[in-house]
Amino acid sequence: MIAAFVLIGAGPARAGENTFVEVTPNSVQAGSRVHIRAGCENDNNRQAQVESDAFGRVTVRPDNGFLTGSATVPGDKQPGDYPVNLRCQNGNTASTTLTVLNMAQPSKGPATGGGGTAVGGRTGTVLLIGGVAVVTAAVALGMAGGRRRTGAGS
């Protein structure tokens, strides 16, 4: 997988004293949700539009003196920096940047067996006894074969 680790500390962009747009967090994994907070000068009692190629168009609505909303970045969104643009009803605009990451997800560990030698497992004991039995049989057969050769050569 492609890993993009470009993280920029972009704060809210301000077009006027009180016209701004913020996206939190400003760097997200594709498939994540972002929260949007904006201000439109003295026009925060009317909704506004926020648009980005990262998540499409979102309407932000009045909420305790700010305009707020949220959006989800699609899981298949390509990594990169995407402009986020605010358009207020009073004509003011502002923008900021959202960084979409596509980090490789951790995979499962290697398939190395069932953990038979783990504490509390009986499989390890059975294997140990079986191994000792095989080695003992091989030694006994080796000794028996060595005696025959000696006896045949005399």
C-alpha atoms as a PDB file:
ATOM      1  CA  MET A   1       0.000   0.000   0.000  1.00  0.00           C
ATOM      2  CA  ILE A   2       1.043   3.543  -0.472  1.00  0.00           C
ATOM      3  CA  ALA A   3       1.907   5.485   2.641  1.00  0.00           C
ATOM      4  CA  ALA A   4       1.660   9.240   2.602  1.00  0.00           C
ATOM      5  CA  PHE A   5       3.044  10.910   5.676  1.00  0.00           C
ATOM      6  CA  VAL A   6       2.766  14.535   4.657  1.00  0.00           C
ATOM      7  CA  LEU A   7       1.450  16.301   7.715  1.00  0.00           C
ATOM      8  CA  ILE A   8       1.131  20.032   7.589  1.00  0.00           C
ATOM      9  CA  GLY A   9       0.117  22.153  10.514  1.00  0.00           C
ATOM     10  CA  ALA A  10      -2.379  24.263   8.654  1.00  0.00           C
ATOM     11  CA  GLY A  11      -4.435  26.325  11.059  1.00  0.00           C
ATOM     12  CA  PRO A  12      -7.679  27.953  10.132  1.00  0.00           C
ATOM     13  CA  ALA A  13      -7.540  30.103   7.041  1.00  0.00           C
ATOM     14  CA  ARG A  14      -8.851  33.620   7.555  1.00  0.00           C
ATOM     15  CA  ALA A  15     -10.209  35.815   4.787  1.00  0.00           C
ATOM     16  CA  GLY A  16     -11.300  38.651   7.032  1.00  0.00           C
ATOM     17  CA  GLU A  17     -11.224  39.371  10.720  1.00  0.00           C
ATOM     18  CA  ASN A  18     -13.931  36.779  11.421  1.00  0.00           C
ATOM     19  CA  THR A  19     -14.273  34.769   8.196  1.00  0.00           C
ATOM     20  CA  PHE A  20     -12.544  31.403   8.516  1.00  0.00           C
ATOM     21  CA  VAL A  21     -12.899  27.659   8.049  1.00  0.00           C
ATOM     22  CA  GLU A  22     -11.267  24.888  10.113  1.00  0.00           C
ATOM     23  CA  VAL A  23     -11.225  21.148   9.502  1.00  0.00           C
ATOM     24  CA  THR A  24     -10.454  18.915  12.492  1.00  0.00           C
ATOM     25  CA  PRO A  25      -8.375  16.873  12.256  1.00  0.00           C
ATOM     26  CA  ASN A  26      -6.607  18.482   9.322  1.00  0.00           C
ATOM     27  CA  SER A  27      -4.857  15.191   8.391  1.00  0.00           C
ATOM     28  CA  VAL A  28      -7.012  12.061   8.184  1.00  0.00           C
ATOM     29  CA  GLN A  29      -6.931   8.512   6.941  1.00  0.00           C
ATOM     30  CA  ALA A  30      -9.195   7.915   3.938  1.00  0.00           C
ATOM     31  CA  GLY A  31     -12.564   6.737   5.297  1.00  0.00           C
ATOM     32  CA  SER A  32     -12.441   8.990   8.369  1.00  0.00           C
ATOM     33  CA  ARG A  33     -14.866  11.661   9.528  1.00  0.00           C
ATOM     34  CA  VAL A  34     -13.867  15.322   9.857  1.00  0.00           C
ATOM     35  CA  HIS A  35     -15.544  18.140  11.762  1.00  0.00           C
ATOM     36  CA  ILE A  36     -15.873  21.579  10.207  1.00  0.00           C
ATOM     37  CA  ARG A  37     -16.075  24.870  12.086  1.00  0.00           C
ATOM     38  CA  ALA A  38     -16.435  28.169  10.285  1.00  0.00           C
ATOM     39  CA  GLY A  39     -17.241  31.820  10.756  1.00  0.00           C
ATOM     40  CA  CYS A  40     -18.782  34.314   8.301  1.00  0.00           C
ATOM     41  CA  GLU A  41     -18.020  37.728   9.861  1.00  0.00           C
ATOM     42  CA  ASN A  42     -21.284  38.882  11.471  1.00  0.00           C
ATOM     43  CA  ASP A  43     -23.372  36.387   9.495  1.00  0.00           C
ATOM     44  CA  ASN A  44     -23.070  33.255  11.655  1.00  0.00           C
ATOM     45  CA  ASN A  45     -26.831  33.020  12.119  1.00  0.00           C
ATOM     46  CA  ARG A  46     -27.269  31.766   8.521  1.00  0.00           C
ATOM     47  CA  GLN A  47     -25.959  28.540   7.063  1.00  0.00           C
ATOM     48  CA  ALA A  48     -23.065  28.471   4.571  1.00  0.00           C
ATOM     49  CA  GLN A  49     -21.494  26.005   2.140  1.00  0.00           C
ATOM     50  CA  VAL A  50     -18.171  24.202   2.518  1.00  0.00           C
ATOM     51  CA  GLU A  51     -16.861  22.273  -0.462  1.00  0.00           C
ATOM     52  CA  SER A  52     -13.844  20.069  -1.105  1.00  0.00           C
ATOM     53  CA  ASP A  53     -12.819  17.354  -3.549  1.00  0.00           C
ATOM     54  CA  ALA A  54     -11.935  15.359  -0.427  1.00  0.00           C
ATOM     55  CA  PHE A  55     -15.566  14.993   0.732  1.00  0.00           C
ATOM     56  CA  GLY A  56     -17.929  16.951  -1.535  1.00  0.00           C
ATOM     57  CA  ARG A  57     -20.310  19.720  -0.420  1.00  0.00           C
ATOM     58  CA  VAL A  58     -21.431  20.205   3.173  1.00  0.00           C
ATOM     59  CA  THR A  59     -23.834  22.739   4.643  1.00  0.00           C
ATOM     60  CA  VAL A  60     -22.545  24.224   7.900  1.00  0.00           C
ATOM     61  CA  ARG A  61     -25.234  25.471  10.270  1.00  0.00           C
ATOM     62  CA  PRO A  62     -25.324  27.947  13.167  1.00  0.00           C
ATOM     63  CA  ASP A  63     -24.111  26.444  16.440  1.00  0.00           C
ATOM     64  CA  ASN A  64     -23.210  28.576  19.494  1.00  0.00           C
ATOM     65  CA  GLY A  65     -21.869  31.518  17.511  1.00  0.00           C
ATOM     66  CA  PHE A  66     -20.094  29.443  14.853  1.00  0.00           C
ATOM     67  CA  LEU A  67     -21.090  27.441  11.807  1.00  0.00           C
ATOM     68  CA  THR A  68     -20.472  23.707  12.196  1.00  0.00           C
ATOM     69  CA  GLY A  69     -20.861  20.489  10.277  1.00  0.00           C
ATOM     70  CA  SER A  70     -19.101  17.233   9.524  1.00  0.00           C
ATOM     71  CA  ALA A  71     -18.209  15.078   6.543  1.00  0.00           C
ATOM     72  CA  THR A  72     -16.718  11.675   5.796  1.00  0.00           C
ATOM     73  CA  VAL A  73     -13.790  11.283   3.438  1.00  0.00           C
ATOM     74  CA  PRO A  74     -14.510   8.256   1.204  1.00  0.00           C
ATOM     75  CA  GLY A  75     -12.368   5.211   1.940  1.00  0.00           C
ATOM     76  CA  ASP A  76     -11.070   5.082  -1.637  1.00  0.00           C
ATOM     77  CA  LYS A  77     -10.003   8.755  -1.710  1.00  0.00           C
ATOM     78  CA  GLN A  78      -6.470   9.140  -3.078  1.00  0.00           C
ATOM     79  CA  PRO A  79      -3.890  10.541  -0.655  1.00  0.00           C
ATOM     80  CA  GLY A  80      -2.996  14.198  -1.052  1.00  0.00           C
ATOM     81  CA  ASP A  81      -3.746  17.764  -0.027  1.00  0.00           C
ATOM     82  CA  TYR A  82      -7.268  18.971  -0.787  1.00  0.00           C
ATOM     83  CA  PRO A  83      -8.464  22.582  -0.578  1.00  0.00           C
ATOM     84  CA  VAL A  84     -11.525  23.128   1.639  1.00  0.00           C
ATOM     85  CA  ASN A  85     -13.500  26.221   0.590  1.00  0.00           C
ATOM     86  CA  LEU A  86     -16.091  28.153   2.585  1.00  0.00           C
ATOM     87  CA  ARG A  87     -18.670  30.334   0.826  1.00  0.00           C
ATOM     88  CA  CYS A  88     -20.776  32.529   3.091  1.00  0.00           C
ATOM     89  CA  GLN A  89     -24.174  33.953   2.146  1.00  0.00           C
ATOM     90  CA  ASN A  90     -22.766  37.478   2.623  1.00  0.00           C
ATOM     91  CA  GLY A  91     -20.225  36.764  -0.148  1.00  0.00           C
ATOM     92  CA  ASN A  92     -17.201  36.196   2.104  1.00  0.00           C
ATOM     93  CA  THR A  93     -14.964  33.210   1.407  1.00  0.00           C
ATOM     94  CA  ALA A  94     -12.162  31.397   3.170  1.00  0.00           C
ATOM     95  CA  SER A  95     -10.188  28.214   2.592  1.00  0.00           C
ATOM     96  CA  THR A  96      -7.880  25.769   4.311  1.00  0.00           C
ATOM     97  CA  THR A  97      -6.259  22.444   3.425  1.00  0.00           C
ATOM     98  CA  LEU A  98      -7.200  18.891   4.379  1.00  0.00           C
ATOM     99  CA  THR A  99      -4.516  16.214   4.011  1.00  0.00           C
ATOM    100  CA  VAL A 100      -5.838  12.745   3.180  1.00  0.00           C
ATOM    101  CA  LEU A 101      -3.553   9.888   4.144  1.00  0.00           C
ATOM    102  CA  ASN A 102      -3.537   6.339   2.878  1.00  0.00           C
ATOM    103  CA  MET A 103      -1.454   4.488   5.439  1.00  0.00           C
ATOM    104  CA  ALA A 104      -1.043   0.745   5.253  1.00  0.00           C
ATOM    105  CA  GLN A 105      -3.170  -0.967   7.855  1.00  0.00           C
ATOM    106  CA  PRO A 106      -1.349  -3.415  10.111  1.00  0.00           C
ATOM    107  CA  SER A 107      -1.721  -6.999   8.993  1.00  0.00           C
ATOM    108  CA  LYS A 108      -2.115 -10.103  11.080  1.00  0.00           C
ATOM    109  CA  GLY A 109       1.006 -11.757  12.417  1.00  0.00           C
ATOM    110  CA  PRO A 110       2.596 -14.672  10.542  1.00  0.00           C
ATOM    111  CA  ALA A 111       0.817 -18.011  10.620  1.00  0.00           C
ATOM    112  CA  THR A 112       3.434 -19.911  12.626  1.00  0.00           C
ATOM    113  CA  GLY A 113       1.278 -22.627  14.102  1.00  0.00           C
ATOM    114  CA  GLY A 114      -1.257 -23.134  16.815  1.00  0.00           C
ATOM    115  CA  GLY A 115       0.954 -22.192  19.721  1.00  0.00           C
ATOM    116  CA  GLY A 116       1.192 -25.777  20.965  1.00  0.00           C
ATOM    117  CA  THR A 117       4.243 -25.063  23.090  1.00  0.00           C
ATOM    118  CA  ALA A 118       2.556 -22.263  24.964  1.00  0.00           C
ATOM    119  CA  VAL A 119       2.128 -22.555  28.725  1.00  0.00           C
ATOM    120  CA  GLY A 120      -0.835 -24.738  29.581  1.00  0.00           C
ATOM    121  CA  GLY A 121      -0.851 -26.544  26.235  1.00  0.00           C
ATOM    122  CA  ARG A 122      -0.416 -30.347  26.191  1.00  0.00           C
ATOM    123  CA  THR A 123       0.655 -30.496  22.552  1.00  0.00           C
ATOM    124  CA  GLY A 124       4.246 -29.516  23.399  1.00  0.00           C
ATOM    125  CA  THR A 125       4.562 -32.354  25.916  1.00  0.00           C
ATOM    126  CA  VAL A 126       3.191 -34.887  23.433  1.00  0.00           C
ATOM    127  CA  LEU A 127       5.608 -33.688  20.758  1.00  0.00           C
ATOM    128  CA  LEU A 128       8.551 -33.866  23.165  1.00  0.00           C
ATOM    129  CA  ILE A 129       7.722 -37.431  24.207  1.00  0.00           C
ATOM    130  CA  GLY A 130       7.195 -38.441  20.566  1.00  0.00           C
ATOM    131  CA  GLY A 131      10.541 -36.905  19.574  1.00  0.00           C
ATOM    132  CA  VAL A 132      12.371 -38.717  22.369  1.00  0.00           C
ATOM    133  CA  ALA A 133      10.739 -42.014  21.307  1.00  0.00           C
ATOM    134  CA  VAL A 134      11.839 -41.545  17.671  1.00  0.00           C
ATOM    135  CA  VAL A 135      15.422 -40.734  18.680  1.00  0.00           C
ATOM    136  CA  THR A 136      15.535 -43.752  21.037  1.00  0.00           C
ATOM    137  CA  ALA A 137      14.244 -46.041  18.274  1.00  0.00           C
ATOM    138  CA  ALA A 138      16.821 -44.685  15.811  1.00  0.00           C
ATOM    139  CA  VAL A 139      19.659 -45.266  18.280  1.00  0.00           C
ATOM    140  CA  ALA A 140      18.438 -48.817  19.054  1.00  0.00           C
ATOM    141  CA  LEU A 141      18.186 -49.687  15.349  1.00  0.00           C
ATOM    142  CA  GLY A 142      21.621 -48.211  14.728  1.00  0.00           C
ATOM    143  CA  MET A 143      23.149 -50.316  17.465  1.00  0.00           C
ATOM    144  CA  ALA A 144      21.364 -53.462  16.270  1.00  0.00           C
ATOM    145  CA  GLY A 145      22.543 -52.851  12.696  1.00  0.00           C
ATOM    146  CA  GLY A 146      26.106 -52.298  13.877  1.00  0.00           C
ATOM    147  CA  ARG A 147      26.138 -55.648  15.728  1.00  0.00           C
ATOM    148  CA  ARG A 148      25.018 -57.588  12.672  1.00  0.00           C
ATOM    149  CA  ARG A 149      27.800 -56.150  10.532  1.00  0.00           C
ATOM    150  CA  THR A 150      30.325 -57.047  13.155  1.00  0.00           C
ATOM    151  CA  GLY A 151      28.967 -60.567  13.423  1.00  0.00           C
ATOM    152  CA  ALA A 152      28.781 -61.047   9.632  1.00  0.00           C
ATOM    153  CA  GLY A 153      32.394 -59.953   9.102  1.00  0.00           C
ATOM    154  CA  SER A 154      33.897 -62.410  11.653  1.00  0.00           C
END
